Amino acid sequence: MHERLIVWQEAYKFCVWIYVLTKKFPKEEKYGLTSQIRRSSMSVPTNIAEGNAKKSGKEKRHYMEIASASLEEVHVEILLARDLKYISPEEFSKTDQWINRISYLIMKFSSSIE
């Protein structure tokens, strides 16, 4: 069950954080950056869960690659949010550290798949 995976738990909490963080983005970004960063962040725990349900190791690793790529998307989008002054340097730092942690966990989980 995916809920027991630390990587999924962290990715899910991160997704919730992104939703809270983006609530304060400008209204004109509702269908732009806000929507995109939320979709990217939601893709991370979703693909971890879906991949964990697959039977073959090859399929599981494929979904972890998608989760990792989505996390990289979030990283670019959070850089943009920082540079547009939508988030503070402290919020960026917290988010960046979380991205690095989840990336590490995805890598470790992928390497443990047989």
PDB file of N, CA and C in Angstrom:
ATOM      1  N   MET A   1       0.842  -1.185   0.000  1.00  0.00           N
ATOM      2  CA  MET A   1       0.000   0.000   0.000  1.00  0.00           C
ATOM      3  C   MET A   1       0.892   1.255   0.000  1.00  0.00           C
ATOM      4  N   HIS A   2       0.626   2.159  -0.905  1.00  0.00           N
ATOM      5  CA  HIS A   2       1.501   3.320  -1.085  1.00  0.00           C
ATOM      6  C   HIS A   2       1.552   4.260   0.117  1.00  0.00           C
ATOM      7  N   GLU A   3       0.497   4.308   0.922  1.00  0.00           N
ATOM      8  CA  GLU A   3       0.486   5.223   2.067  1.00  0.00           C
ATOM      9  C   GLU A   3       1.580   4.922   3.093  1.00  0.00           C
ATOM     10  N   ARG A   4       2.089   3.710   3.063  1.00  0.00           N
ATOM     11  CA  ARG A   4       3.151   3.330   4.004  1.00  0.00           C
ATOM     12  C   ARG A   4       4.534   3.767   3.540  1.00  0.00           C
ATOM     13  N   LEU A   5       4.652   4.125   2.283  1.00  0.00           N
ATOM     14  CA  LEU A   5       5.954   4.521   1.733  1.00  0.00           C
ATOM     15  C   LEU A   5       6.330   5.930   2.198  1.00  0.00           C
ATOM     16  N   ILE A   6       7.501   6.061   2.768  1.00  0.00           N
ATOM     17  CA  ILE A   6       7.975   7.373   3.223  1.00  0.00           C
ATOM     18  C   ILE A   6       8.064   8.334   2.048  1.00  0.00           C
ATOM     19  N   VAL A   7       8.507   7.852   0.901  1.00  0.00           N
ATOM     20  CA  VAL A   7       8.617   8.711  -0.276  1.00  0.00           C
ATOM     21  C   VAL A   7       7.242   9.260  -0.664  1.00  0.00           C
ATOM     22  N   TRP A   8       6.211   8.434  -0.603  1.00  0.00           N
ATOM     23  CA  TRP A   8       4.861   8.902  -0.927  1.00  0.00           C
ATOM     24  C   TRP A   8       4.379   9.897   0.130  1.00  0.00           C
ATOM     25  N   GLN A   9       4.599   9.593   1.411  1.00  0.00           N
ATOM     26  CA  GLN A   9       4.171  10.487   2.490  1.00  0.00           C
ATOM     27  C   GLN A   9       4.788  11.869   2.335  1.00  0.00           C
ATOM     28  N   GLU A  10       6.076  11.910   2.047  1.00  0.00           N
ATOM     29  CA  GLU A  10       6.762  13.191   1.872  1.00  0.00           C
ATOM     30  C   GLU A  10       6.256  13.930   0.636  1.00  0.00           C
ATOM     31  N   ALA A  11       6.057  13.199  -0.451  1.00  0.00           N
ATOM     32  CA  ALA A  11       5.562  13.821  -1.685  1.00  0.00           C
ATOM     33  C   ALA A  11       4.144  14.355  -1.500  1.00  0.00           C
ATOM     34  N   TYR A  12       3.335  13.640  -0.749  1.00  0.00           N
ATOM     35  CA  TYR A  12       1.963  14.079  -0.498  1.00  0.00           C
ATOM     36  C   TYR A  12       1.946  15.346   0.361  1.00  0.00           C
ATOM     37  N   LYS A  13       2.725  15.354   1.436  1.00  0.00           N
ATOM     38  CA  LYS A  13       2.809  16.546   2.298  1.00  0.00           C
ATOM     39  C   LYS A  13       3.349  17.735   1.504  1.00  0.00           C
ATOM     40  N   PHE A  14       4.303  17.462   0.616  1.00  0.00           N
ATOM     41  CA  PHE A  14       4.862  18.508  -0.233  1.00  0.00           C
ATOM     42  C   PHE A  14       3.783  19.094  -1.145  1.00  0.00           C
ATOM     43  N   CYS A  15       2.965  18.238  -1.720  1.00  0.00           N
ATOM     44  CA  CYS A  15       1.878  18.682  -2.593  1.00  0.00           C
ATOM     45  C   CYS A  15       0.915  19.590  -1.819  1.00  0.00           C
ATOM     46  N   VAL A  16       0.568  19.203  -0.613  1.00  0.00           N
ATOM     47  CA  VAL A  16      -0.303  20.037   0.226  1.00  0.00           C
ATOM     48  C   VAL A  16       0.364  21.389   0.480  1.00  0.00           C
ATOM     49  N   TRP A  17       1.670  21.376   0.768  1.00  0.00           N
ATOM     50  CA  TRP A  17       2.429  22.614   0.995  1.00  0.00           C
ATOM     51  C   TRP A  17       2.351  23.531  -0.227  1.00  0.00           C
ATOM     52  N   ILE A  18       2.502  22.945  -1.410  1.00  0.00           N
ATOM     53  CA  ILE A  18       2.454  23.739  -2.644  1.00  0.00           C
ATOM     54  C   ILE A  18       1.072  24.381  -2.805  1.00  0.00           C
ATOM     55  N   TYR A  19       0.026  23.656  -2.494  1.00  0.00           N
ATOM     56  CA  TYR A  19      -1.321  24.230  -2.583  1.00  0.00           C
ATOM     57  C   TYR A  19      -1.473  25.412  -1.624  1.00  0.00           C
ATOM     58  N   VAL A  20      -0.975  25.270  -0.417  1.00  0.00           N
ATOM     59  CA  VAL A  20      -1.045  26.363   0.566  1.00  0.00           C
ATOM     60  C   VAL A  20      -0.197  27.544   0.093  1.00  0.00           C
ATOM     61  N   LEU A  21       1.002  27.258  -0.361  1.00  0.00           N
ATOM     62  CA  LEU A  21       1.933  28.295  -0.810  1.00  0.00           C
ATOM     63  C   LEU A  21       1.369  29.095  -1.983  1.00  0.00           C
ATOM     64  N   THR A  22       0.711  28.419  -2.903  1.00  0.00           N
ATOM     65  CA  THR A  22       0.225  29.087  -4.108  1.00  0.00           C
ATOM     66  C   THR A  22      -1.086  29.837  -3.908  1.00  0.00           C
ATOM     67  N   LYS A  23      -1.712  29.678  -2.763  1.00  0.00           N
ATOM     68  CA  LYS A  23      -2.947  30.426  -2.481  1.00  0.00           C
ATOM     69  C   LYS A  23      -2.721  31.932  -2.545  1.00  0.00           C
ATOM     70  N   LYS A  24      -1.515  32.347  -2.246  1.00  0.00           N
ATOM     71  CA  LYS A  24      -1.225  33.782  -2.220  1.00  0.00           C
ATOM     72  C   LYS A  24      -0.662  34.315  -3.540  1.00  0.00           C
ATOM     73  N   PHE A  25      -0.535  33.461  -4.541  1.00  0.00           N
ATOM     74  CA  PHE A  25      -0.072  33.923  -5.855  1.00  0.00           C
ATOM     75  C   PHE A  25      -1.104  34.906  -6.411  1.00  0.00           C
ATOM     76  N   PRO A  26      -0.681  35.811  -7.279  1.00  0.00           N
ATOM     77  CA  PRO A  26      -1.625  36.780  -7.857  1.00  0.00           C
ATOM     78  C   PRO A  26      -2.776  36.089  -8.598  1.00  0.00           C
ATOM     79  N   LYS A  27      -3.937  36.733  -8.565  1.00  0.00           N
ATOM     80  CA  LYS A  27      -5.132  36.177  -9.221  1.00  0.00           C
ATOM     81  C   LYS A  27      -4.904  35.920 -10.711  1.00  0.00           C
ATOM     82  N   GLU A  28      -4.110  36.784 -11.362  1.00  0.00           N
ATOM     83  CA  GLU A  28      -3.884  36.603 -12.802  1.00  0.00           C
ATOM     84  C   GLU A  28      -3.088  35.337 -13.118  1.00  0.00           C
ATOM     85  N   GLU A  29      -2.483  34.729 -12.095  1.00  0.00           N
ATOM     86  CA  GLU A  29      -1.731  33.478 -12.295  1.00  0.00           C
ATOM     87  C   GLU A  29      -2.596  32.231 -12.091  1.00  0.00           C
ATOM     88  N   LYS A  30      -3.883  32.412 -11.790  1.00  0.00           N
ATOM     89  CA  LYS A  30      -4.766  31.273 -11.494  1.00  0.00           C
ATOM     90  C   LYS A  30      -4.689  30.183 -12.562  1.00  0.00           C
ATOM     91  N   TYR A  31      -4.724  30.581 -13.831  1.00  0.00           N
ATOM     92  CA  TYR A  31      -4.693  29.603 -14.916  1.00  0.00           C
ATOM     93  C   TYR A  31      -3.297  29.462 -15.524  1.00  0.00           C
ATOM     94  N   GLY A  32      -2.332  30.105 -14.922  1.00  0.00           N
ATOM     95  CA  GLY A  32      -0.954  30.049 -15.395  1.00  0.00           C
ATOM     96  C   GLY A  32      -0.088  29.278 -14.419  1.00  0.00           C
ATOM     97  N   LEU A  33       0.794  30.004 -13.760  1.00  0.00           N
ATOM     98  CA  LEU A  33       1.767  29.380 -12.869  1.00  0.00           C
ATOM     99  C   LEU A  33       1.112  28.620 -11.713  1.00  0.00           C
ATOM    100  N   THR A  34       0.072  29.190 -11.116  1.00  0.00           N
ATOM    101  CA  THR A  34      -0.584  28.516  -9.977  1.00  0.00           C
ATOM    102  C   THR A  34      -1.094  27.145 -10.391  1.00  0.00           C
ATOM    103  N   SER A  35      -1.813  27.107 -11.496  1.00  0.00           N
ATOM    104  CA  SER A  35      -2.368  25.844 -11.982  1.00  0.00           C
ATOM    105  C   SER A  35      -1.267  24.860 -12.351  1.00  0.00           C
ATOM    106  N   GLN A  36      -0.236  25.334 -13.023  1.00  0.00           N
ATOM    107  CA  GLN A  36       0.833  24.452 -13.492  1.00  0.00           C
ATOM    108  C   GLN A  36       1.638  23.859 -12.336  1.00  0.00           C
ATOM    109  N   ILE A  37       1.986  24.685 -11.374  1.00  0.00           N
ATOM    110  CA  ILE A  37       2.799  24.181 -10.258  1.00  0.00           C
ATOM    111  C   ILE A  37       1.990  23.199  -9.403  1.00  0.00           C
ATOM    112  N   ARG A  38       0.702  23.448  -9.295  1.00  0.00           N
ATOM    113  CA  ARG A  38      -0.152  22.510  -8.555  1.00  0.00           C
ATOM    114  C   ARG A  38      -0.245  21.168  -9.287  1.00  0.00           C
ATOM    115  N   ARG A  39      -0.424  21.214 -10.596  1.00  0.00           N
ATOM    116  CA  ARG A  39      -0.489  19.962 -11.372  1.00  0.00           C
ATOM    117  C   ARG A  39       0.826  19.196 -11.280  1.00  0.00           C
ATOM    118  N   SER A  40       1.925  19.907 -11.400  1.00  0.00           N
ATOM    119  CA  SER A  40       3.244  19.258 -11.314  1.00  0.00           C
ATOM    120  C   SER A  40       3.446  18.614  -9.948  1.00  0.00           C
ATOM    121  N   SER A  41       3.099  19.342  -8.891  1.00  0.00           N
ATOM    122  CA  SER A  41       3.304  18.802  -7.543  1.00  0.00           C
ATOM    123  C   SER A  41       2.375  17.619  -7.272  1.00  0.00           C
ATOM    124  N   MET A  42       1.157  17.672  -7.811  1.00  0.00           N
ATOM    125  CA  MET A  42       0.208  16.573  -7.622  1.00  0.00           C
ATOM    126  C   MET A  42       0.669  15.319  -8.360  1.00  0.00           C
ATOM    127  N   SER A  43       1.386  15.498  -9.444  1.00  0.00           N
ATOM    128  CA  SER A  43       1.875  14.380 -10.236  1.00  0.00           C
ATOM    129  C   SER A  43       2.884  13.529  -9.468  1.00  0.00           C
ATOM    130  N   VAL A  44       3.584  14.129  -8.528  1.00  0.00           N
ATOM    131  CA  VAL A  44       4.637  13.393  -7.812  1.00  0.00           C
ATOM    132  C   VAL A  44       4.041  12.272  -6.950  1.00  0.00           C
ATOM    133  N   PRO A  45       3.185  12.556  -5.952  1.00  0.00           N
ATOM    134  CA  PRO A  45       2.637  11.448  -5.163  1.00  0.00           C
ATOM    135  C   PRO A  45       1.716  10.538  -5.969  1.00  0.00           C
ATOM    136  N   THR A  46       1.037  11.101  -6.983  1.00  0.00           N
ATOM    137  CA  THR A  46       0.144  10.296  -7.817  1.00  0.00           C
ATOM    138  C   THR A  46       0.929   9.225  -8.572  1.00  0.00           C
ATOM    139  N   ASN A  47       2.058   9.604  -9.169  1.00  0.00           N
ATOM    140  CA  ASN A  47       2.856   8.629  -9.913  1.00  0.00           C
ATOM    141  C   ASN A  47       3.570   7.650  -9.004  1.00  0.00           C
ATOM    142  N   ILE A  48       3.937   8.080  -7.810  1.00  0.00           N
ATOM    143  CA  ILE A  48       4.532   7.142  -6.844  1.00  0.00           C
ATOM    144  C   ILE A  48       3.499   6.081  -6.473  1.00  0.00           C
ATOM    145  N   ALA A  49       2.267   6.520  -6.202  1.00  0.00           N
ATOM    146  CA  ALA A  49       1.200   5.578  -5.840  1.00  0.00           C
ATOM    147  C   ALA A  49       0.896   4.628  -7.000  1.00  0.00           C
ATOM    148  N   GLU A  50       0.754   5.189  -8.192  1.00  0.00           N
ATOM    149  CA  GLU A  50       0.442   4.363  -9.354  1.00  0.00           C
ATOM    150  C   GLU A  50       1.566   3.384  -9.663  1.00  0.00           C
ATOM    151  N   GLY A  51       2.789   3.865  -9.589  1.00  0.00           N
ATOM    152  CA  GLY A  51       3.927   2.991  -9.843  1.00  0.00           C
ATOM    153  C   GLY A  51       4.040   1.868  -8.833  1.00  0.00           C
ATOM    154  N   ASN A  52       3.752   2.184  -7.583  1.00  0.00           N
ATOM    155  CA  ASN A  52       3.830   1.172  -6.532  1.00  0.00           C
ATOM    156  C   ASN A  52       2.818   0.051  -6.758  1.00  0.00           C
ATOM    157  N   ALA A  53       1.729   0.360  -7.449  1.00  0.00           N
ATOM    158  CA  ALA A  53       0.695  -0.645  -7.710  1.00  0.00           C
ATOM    159  C   ALA A  53       1.049  -1.573  -8.873  1.00  0.00           C
ATOM    160  N   LYS A  54       2.050  -1.210  -9.638  1.00  0.00           N
ATOM    161  CA  LYS A  54       2.450  -2.035 -10.784  1.00  0.00           C
ATOM    162  C   LYS A  54       3.194  -3.278 -10.309  1.00  0.00           C
ATOM    163  N   LYS A  55       3.081  -4.319 -11.098  1.00  0.00           N
ATOM    164  CA  LYS A  55       3.688  -5.599 -10.719  1.00  0.00           C
ATOM    165  C   LYS A  55       5.162  -5.692 -11.101  1.00  0.00           C
ATOM    166  N   SER A  56       5.504  -5.215 -12.287  1.00  0.00           N
ATOM    167  CA  SER A  56       6.892  -5.396 -12.738  1.00  0.00           C
ATOM    168  C   SER A  56       7.779  -4.254 -12.234  1.00  0.00           C
ATOM    169  N   GLY A  57       9.025  -4.600 -11.967  1.00  0.00           N
ATOM    170  CA  GLY A  57       9.999  -3.609 -11.533  1.00  0.00           C
ATOM    171  C   GLY A  57      10.224  -2.543 -12.583  1.00  0.00           C
ATOM    172  N   LYS A  58      10.209  -2.954 -13.846  1.00  0.00           N
ATOM    173  CA  LYS A  58      10.416  -2.007 -14.947  1.00  0.00           C
ATOM    174  C   LYS A  58       9.318  -0.941 -14.950  1.00  0.00           C
ATOM    175  N   GLU A  59       8.080  -1.378 -14.780  1.00  0.00           N
ATOM    176  CA  GLU A  59       6.962  -0.428 -14.744  1.00  0.00           C
ATOM    177  C   GLU A  59       7.059   0.484 -13.508  1.00  0.00           C
ATOM    178  N   LYS A  60       7.385  -0.102 -12.368  1.00  0.00           N
ATOM    179  CA  LYS A  60       7.516   0.698 -11.140  1.00  0.00           C
ATOM    180  C   LYS A  60       8.570   1.786 -11.315  1.00  0.00           C
ATOM    181  N   ARG A  61       9.718   1.412 -11.863  1.00  0.00           N
ATOM    182  CA  ARG A  61      10.797   2.383 -12.082  1.00  0.00           C
ATOM    183  C   ARG A  61      10.376   3.470 -13.070  1.00  0.00           C
ATOM    184  N   HIS A  62       9.606   3.085 -14.077  1.00  0.00           N
ATOM    185  CA  HIS A  62       9.115   4.054 -15.060  1.00  0.00           C
ATOM    186  C   HIS A  62       8.269   5.137 -14.376  1.00  0.00           C
ATOM    187  N   TYR A  63       7.398   4.739 -13.492  1.00  0.00           N
ATOM    188  CA  TYR A  63       6.557   5.709 -12.783  1.00  0.00           C
ATOM    189  C   TYR A  63       7.380   6.565 -11.814  1.00  0.00           C
ATOM    190  N   MET A  64       8.432   5.991 -11.267  1.00  0.00           N
ATOM    191  CA  MET A  64       9.307   6.791 -10.408  1.00  0.00           C
ATOM    192  C   MET A  64      10.048   7.842 -11.238  1.00  0.00           C
ATOM    193  N   GLU A  65      10.393   7.486 -12.479  1.00  0.00           N
ATOM    194  CA  GLU A  65      11.023   8.461 -13.386  1.00  0.00           C
ATOM    195  C   GLU A  65      10.060   9.606 -13.688  1.00  0.00           C
ATOM    196  N   ILE A  66       8.797   9.291 -13.889  1.00  0.00           N
ATOM    197  CA  ILE A  66       7.801  10.333 -14.150  1.00  0.00           C
ATOM    198  C   ILE A  66       7.651  11.229 -12.922  1.00  0.00           C
ATOM    199  N   ALA A  67       7.596  10.618 -11.732  1.00  0.00           N
ATOM    200  CA  ALA A  67       7.492  11.395 -10.491  1.00  0.00           C
ATOM    201  C   ALA A  67       8.697  12.313 -10.346  1.00  0.00           C
ATOM    202  N   SER A  68       9.872  11.804 -10.646  1.00  0.00           N
ATOM    203  CA  SER A  68      11.092  12.591 -10.551  1.00  0.00           C
ATOM    204  C   SER A  68      11.079  13.750 -11.548  1.00  0.00           C
ATOM    205  N   ALA A  69      10.618  13.498 -12.756  1.00  0.00           N
ATOM    206  CA  ALA A  69      10.535  14.552 -13.769  1.00  0.00           C
ATOM    207  C   ALA A  69       9.534  15.628 -13.343  1.00  0.00           C
ATOM    208  N   SER A  70       8.425  15.220 -12.765  1.00  0.00           N
ATOM    209  CA  SER A  70       7.433  16.188 -12.278  1.00  0.00           C
ATOM    210  C   SER A  70       8.022  17.039 -11.162  1.00  0.00           C
ATOM    211  N   LEU A  71       8.824  16.421 -10.333  1.00  0.00           N
ATOM    212  CA  LEU A  71       9.481  17.160  -9.250  1.00  0.00           C
ATOM    213  C   LEU A  71      10.433  18.207  -9.823  1.00  0.00           C
ATOM    214  N   GLU A  72      11.124  17.868 -10.900  1.00  0.00           N
ATOM    215  CA  GLU A  72      11.999  18.837 -11.563  1.00  0.00           C
ATOM    216  C   GLU A  72      11.188  19.986 -12.159  1.00  0.00           C
ATOM    217  N   GLU A  73       9.999  19.678 -12.663  1.00  0.00           N
ATOM    218  CA  GLU A  73       9.109  20.740 -13.150  1.00  0.00           C
ATOM    219  C   GLU A  73       8.781  21.710 -12.013  1.00  0.00           C
ATOM    220  N   VAL A  74       8.426  21.153 -10.856  1.00  0.00           N
ATOM    221  CA  VAL A  74       8.106  21.993  -9.701  1.00  0.00           C
ATOM    222  C   VAL A  74       9.308  22.870  -9.355  1.00  0.00           C
ATOM    223  N   HIS A  75      10.492  22.308  -9.455  1.00  0.00           N
ATOM    224  CA  HIS A  75      11.694  23.063  -9.112  1.00  0.00           C
ATOM    225  C   HIS A  75      11.839  24.303 -10.000  1.00  0.00           C
ATOM    226  N   VAL A  76      11.640  24.137 -11.288  1.00  0.00           N
ATOM    227  CA  VAL A  76      11.715  25.273 -12.210  1.00  0.00           C
ATOM    228  C   VAL A  76      10.618  26.288 -11.885  1.00  0.00           C
ATOM    229  N   GLU A  77       9.424  25.805 -11.635  1.00  0.00           N
ATOM    230  CA  GLU A  77       8.282  26.687 -11.361  1.00  0.00           C
ATOM    231  C   GLU A  77       8.457  27.445 -10.045  1.00  0.00           C
ATOM    232  N   ILE A  78       9.070  26.814  -9.063  1.00  0.00           N
ATOM    233  CA  ILE A  78       9.281  27.480  -7.776  1.00  0.00           C
ATOM    234  C   ILE A  78      10.401  28.525  -7.908  1.00  0.00           C
ATOM    235  N   LEU A  79      11.381  28.255  -8.777  1.00  0.00           N
ATOM    236  CA  LEU A  79      12.403  29.263  -9.079  1.00  0.00           C
ATOM    237  C   LEU A  79      11.757  30.498  -9.707  1.00  0.00           C
ATOM    238  N   LEU A  80      10.850  30.265 -10.623  1.00  0.00           N
ATOM    239  CA  LEU A  80      10.140  31.362 -11.273  1.00  0.00           C
ATOM    240  C   LEU A  80       9.314  32.147 -10.254  1.00  0.00           C
ATOM    241  N   ALA A  81       8.616  31.427  -9.375  1.00  0.00           N
ATOM    242  CA  ALA A  81       7.816  32.091  -8.335  1.00  0.00           C
ATOM    243  C   ALA A  81       8.698  32.953  -7.437  1.00  0.00           C
ATOM    244  N   ARG A  82       9.900  32.454  -7.120  1.00  0.00           N
ATOM    245  CA  ARG A  82      10.844  33.235  -6.307  1.00  0.00           C
ATOM    246  C   ARG A  82      11.273  34.501  -7.042  1.00  0.00           C
ATOM    247  N   ASP A  83      11.640  34.335  -8.293  1.00  0.00           N
ATOM    248  CA  ASP A  83      12.150  35.465  -9.065  1.00  0.00           C
ATOM    249  C   ASP A  83      11.074  36.499  -9.381  1.00  0.00           C
ATOM    250  N   LEU A  84       9.822  36.064  -9.416  1.00  0.00           N
ATOM    251  CA  LEU A  84       8.704  36.987  -9.610  1.00  0.00           C
ATOM    252  C   LEU A  84       8.219  37.588  -8.283  1.00  0.00           C
ATOM    253  N   LYS A  85       8.901  37.194  -7.194  1.00  0.00           N
ATOM    254  CA  LYS A  85       8.590  37.693  -5.847  1.00  0.00           C
ATOM    255  C   LYS A  85       7.211  37.253  -5.342  1.00  0.00           C
ATOM    256  N   TYR A  86       6.755  36.069  -5.827  1.00  0.00           N
ATOM    257  CA  TYR A  86       5.501  35.512  -5.338  1.00  0.00           C
ATOM    258  C   TYR A  86       5.701  34.788  -4.014  1.00  0.00           C
ATOM    259  N   ILE A  87       6.940  34.341  -3.777  1.00  0.00           N
ATOM    260  CA  ILE A  87       7.278  33.685  -2.515  1.00  0.00           C
ATOM    261  C   ILE A  87       8.536  34.331  -1.947  1.00  0.00           C
ATOM    262  N   SER A  88       8.690  34.191  -0.660  1.00  0.00           N
ATOM    263  CA  SER A  88       9.848  34.768   0.024  1.00  0.00           C
ATOM    264  C   SER A  88      11.073  33.867  -0.156  1.00  0.00           C
ATOM    265  N   PRO A  89      12.263  34.408   0.101  1.00  0.00           N
ATOM    266  CA  PRO A  89      13.465  33.568   0.060  1.00  0.00           C
ATOM    267  C   PRO A  89      13.376  32.388   1.041  1.00  0.00           C
ATOM    268  N   GLU A  90      12.762  32.611   2.183  1.00  0.00           N
ATOM    269  CA  GLU A  90      12.610  31.536   3.179  1.00  0.00           C
ATOM    270  C   GLU A  90      11.678  30.435   2.658  1.00  0.00           C
ATOM    271  N   GLU A  91      10.598  30.843   2.025  1.00  0.00           N
ATOM    272  CA  GLU A  91       9.670  29.855   1.455  1.00  0.00           C
ATOM    273  C   GLU A  91      10.343  29.089   0.326  1.00  0.00           C
ATOM    274  N   PHE A  92      11.123  29.794  -0.472  1.00  0.00           N
ATOM    275  CA  PHE A  92      11.860  29.116  -1.540  1.00  0.00           C
ATOM    276  C   PHE A  92      12.824  28.099  -0.948  1.00  0.00           C
ATOM    277  N   SER A  93      13.572  28.504   0.071  1.00  0.00           N
ATOM    278  CA  SER A  93      14.564  27.619   0.688  1.00  0.00           C
ATOM    279  C   SER A  93      13.906  26.363   1.253  1.00  0.00           C
ATOM    280  N   LYS A  94      12.798  26.533   1.956  1.00  0.00           N
ATOM    281  CA  LYS A  94      12.071  25.383   2.523  1.00  0.00           C
ATOM    282  C   LYS A  94      11.603  24.452   1.403  1.00  0.00           C
ATOM    283  N   THR A  95      11.057  25.031   0.352  1.00  0.00           N
ATOM    284  CA  THR A  95      10.548  24.242  -0.773  1.00  0.00           C
ATOM    285  C   THR A  95      11.686  23.531  -1.495  1.00  0.00           C
ATOM    286  N   ASP A  96      12.786  24.235  -1.713  1.00  0.00           N
ATOM    287  CA  ASP A  96      13.949  23.664  -2.386  1.00  0.00           C
ATOM    288  C   ASP A  96      14.526  22.485  -1.585  1.00  0.00           C
ATOM    289  N   GLN A  97      14.615  22.635  -0.283  1.00  0.00           N
ATOM    290  CA  GLN A  97      15.110  21.542   0.565  1.00  0.00           C
ATOM    291  C   GLN A  97      14.188  20.330   0.481  1.00  0.00           C
ATOM    292  N   TRP A  98      12.896  20.587   0.457  1.00  0.00           N
ATOM    293  CA  TRP A  98      11.918  19.505   0.365  1.00  0.00           C
ATOM    294  C   TRP A  98      12.044  18.790  -0.982  1.00  0.00           C
ATOM    295  N   ILE A  99      12.224  19.552  -2.047  1.00  0.00           N
ATOM    296  CA  ILE A  99      12.409  18.970  -3.374  1.00  0.00           C
ATOM    297  C   ILE A  99      13.640  18.060  -3.379  1.00  0.00           C
ATOM    298  N   ASN A 100      14.733  18.517  -2.800  1.00  0.00           N
ATOM    299  CA  ASN A 100      15.956  17.707  -2.744  1.00  0.00           C
ATOM    300  C   ASN A 100      15.739  16.426  -1.951  1.00  0.00           C
ATOM    301  N   ARG A 101      15.020  16.523  -0.841  1.00  0.00           N
ATOM    302  CA  ARG A 101      14.741  15.332  -0.023  1.00  0.00           C
ATOM    303  C   ARG A 101      13.894  14.318  -0.798  1.00  0.00           C
ATOM    304  N   ILE A 102      12.836  14.799  -1.433  1.00  0.00           N
ATOM    305  CA  ILE A 102      11.962  13.887  -2.180  1.00  0.00           C
ATOM    306  C   ILE A 102      12.715  13.277  -3.357  1.00  0.00           C
ATOM    307  N   SER A 103      13.527  14.055  -4.021  1.00  0.00           N
ATOM    308  CA  SER A 103      14.327  13.540  -5.133  1.00  0.00           C
ATOM    309  C   SER A 103      15.222  12.397  -4.654  1.00  0.00           C
ATOM    310  N   TYR A 104      15.858  12.597  -3.518  1.00  0.00           N
ATOM    311  CA  TYR A 104      16.714  11.567  -2.931  1.00  0.00           C
ATOM    312  C   TYR A 104      15.895  10.308  -2.600  1.00  0.00           C
ATOM    313  N   LEU A 105      14.718  10.505  -2.001  1.00  0.00           N
ATOM    314  CA  LEU A 105      13.875   9.365  -1.625  1.00  0.00           C
ATOM    315  C   LEU A 105      13.388   8.593  -2.850  1.00  0.00           C
ATOM    316  N   ILE A 106      13.041   9.320  -3.912  1.00  0.00           N
ATOM    317  CA  ILE A 106      12.624   8.648  -5.148  1.00  0.00           C
ATOM    318  C   ILE A 106      13.781   7.819  -5.703  1.00  0.00           C
ATOM    319  N   MET A 107      14.981   8.408  -5.711  1.00  0.00           N
ATOM    320  CA  MET A 107      16.152   7.701  -6.217  1.00  0.00           C
ATOM    321  C   MET A 107      16.410   6.424  -5.391  1.00  0.00           C
ATOM    322  N   LYS A 108      16.347   6.546  -4.078  1.00  0.00           N
ATOM    323  CA  LYS A 108      16.588   5.382  -3.211  1.00  0.00           C
ATOM    324  C   LYS A 108      15.511   4.320  -3.405  1.00  0.00           C
ATOM    325  N   PHE A 109      14.261   4.767  -3.488  1.00  0.00           N
ATOM    326  CA  PHE A 109      13.172   3.821  -3.698  1.00  0.00           C
ATOM    327  C   PHE A 109      13.332   3.109  -5.048  1.00  0.00           C
ATOM    328  N   SER A 110      13.651   3.850  -6.087  1.00  0.00           N
ATOM    329  CA  SER A 110      13.849   3.259  -7.417  1.00  0.00           C
ATOM    330  C   SER A 110      14.956   2.221  -7.408  1.00  0.00           C
ATOM    331  N   SER A 111      16.041   2.529  -6.713  1.00  0.00           N
ATOM    332  CA  SER A 111      17.169   1.597  -6.689  1.00  0.00           C
ATOM    333  C   SER A 111      16.858   0.333  -5.884  1.00  0.00           C
ATOM    334  N   SER A 112      15.833   0.388  -5.038  1.00  0.00           N
ATOM    335  CA  SER A 112      15.459  -0.791  -4.248  1.00  0.00           C
ATOM    336  C   SER A 112      14.482  -1.709  -4.980  1.00  0.00           C
ATOM    337  N   ILE A 113      13.950  -1.253  -6.103  1.00  0.00           N
ATOM    338  CA  ILE A 113      12.984  -2.041  -6.866  1.00  0.00           C
ATOM    339  C   ILE A 113      13.745  -3.116  -7.640  1.00  0.00           C
ATOM    340  N   GLU A 114      13.261  -4.332  -7.526  1.00  0.00           N
ATOM    341  CA  GLU A 114      13.920  -5.453  -8.229  1.00  0.00           C
ATOM    342  C   GLU A 114      13.338  -5.669  -9.588  1.00  0.00           C
TER     343      GLU A 114
END
